[in-house]
Amino acid sequence: MTEAVSEFTKKEEILSFISENGIKILSLCHIPEDGRLKTLSFAAASPEKVNEILELGERVDGSSLFSFLEPGKSDIYIMPLLDRAFVNPFSQVPTLNVLCDYLDADGKPLQAAPQNVLTRAEDRLRASSGVVLKALAELEFYVISKQENEPLFPAALDKNYHESSPFARFEDLRNEILLTLSSIGIATKYGHSEVGRMTGKNGELIEQQEIELSAQNLIRMAESVAISKWAIRNVCIKHGVSVSFAPKLSVEHAGNGMHIHLCALKRNKNIIAGSDRTLSTEARKMIGGILKFASSLSAFANPTPVSYLRFIARKESPMHVCWSSQNRLALIRIPLWRNLRKGDGKLDQCEETFEYRAPDAFANPHLLLAGLATAVDYGLSNSEESLKMAESLHVDNHSRRQRLKTLPLSCSESADSLERDRRLYEADQVFPKKLIDKTIESLRSHKDKDLRQKLIKKPDEIEELLKQHRHFG
């Protein structure tokens, strides 16, 4: 049986695939508010039953998946997307996973479901400017392993960037992750060991890795992030090791980010670079829009108190609202674009990007990308304001960063920022009011206004916070 995504277009194709490949279980998978892949499974013995599931979906308890749905009236449907199917590479019995959309009790798209928010954000951007965004995510994570003996090739703390075996312990595991993602239809750009390396309090080896996904449209990228986290965790547990996407595992060591690279297509041409291969005016407008939304975007990009420890105790993580070429301390960075070509080699369509460095993998990827699409749309629609914003917030390596506004340093501050900016997200009903309300409520429930003071005065409480969030998201 081939472990691969199959882009079916008809129910009959799935039924044939199940029969021909000995599929025993059909799993409906979906990505709710917490951004973590969920599963509802059925025995696939009866073709009639499988046909019914594919035709009608299944009823689920929406209040257990979304905070904005009340238990008293919470039945919703998950509806299979026939072109989002893949064989589960981890199941002991042959299993076909199919991603699903959320429908309300009337069979219409559930308005506040993150997938549908992102669809509306993309549709509005396309309608107003003709621009289609593509994104790629950098997934950073720590592999955590017990050590029985002293390592034969000890490596320095936080000096793990691009390190090779035997100094990097998990090269083979990372390569297996790359192959597994490919087998289920998720394209990757590359994988490598990242800078972070530490020893846990119980002697564990904790080593940071990165998998960078290839650019896709926003909906597919959001799905790919959720499925990739699921796959990474399953590969790790198969090898008896744990994994954490937490923005901070230790205050003193490098954190995990989920940097997002964006390219913008208009008439199927990337418009990030101008004809002279420098940053285009359109790209500056987009950057200006994101900088305007920067503080409130943290409400979606950084949803837990641990997210803000990454900013406060930073190592190559942003703190100030600004943009720069190549500077990894800027919120938005223009990476080095490959200009060298040999022979007839062609550059990737999304070679020219800019990078938004605030997010971490605790974010719901659909809401994060919807927020970015909304900010880009604002920037392109308000040219004069966004260009002035981009000009005023550009820095180089010699700029005095203390003059710049900082990102929020707690969930509480992000909630206040979202409250101030909510009209920008709610315009044209892209983000429903009740979703913004619940996001603000969730952020404020952490009661972390004094997070920075606790970092200095109450380190034990910070350690407990880090422990609680190790496997969040």
Foldseek 3Di string as FASTA:
>chain_A
DFFEQDQDDDLVVVLVCCVVVVAQKEWEWEQAQQQAIDIDIDGPPDSVVSVCCQVPADWDFQVVRDVLDDNVAGIKGWHFDRRQKGFDPQDPGTYIYTYTFIGGPVRHGDQQTLLQLLVVLQVVLCVQPVKFKKKKKKQKKKKKAADPDDQPQDDDALQFWQDDPPNDPCPVLVVVLQVSCVSHPWAWDDKGWHRGWDADPNGITITMIITITDIDGLSVNLVSLNVSVVSSQSSSVVVVIGMFLFQDLDLQTAGIFIKMWMFMDHVHATQQADPVRDGDLLVLLLLLLCLVLVQLLCLQQPVALSLLSCQVSHDLAEWFSAEEEPRSNHQKYFDDADPDDDDPDDDDRPSGTIMGTRGTSSGSSSNSSSVSSLSSSVSNVVPVNSNVSRVVRYDYPPDDRVVTDTHDNALQSNLVSCVVCVCSSCVVHSNPPSSNVVSSVSSCVNVCPVVVVCVPVPVVVVNVSSVVRRHRD
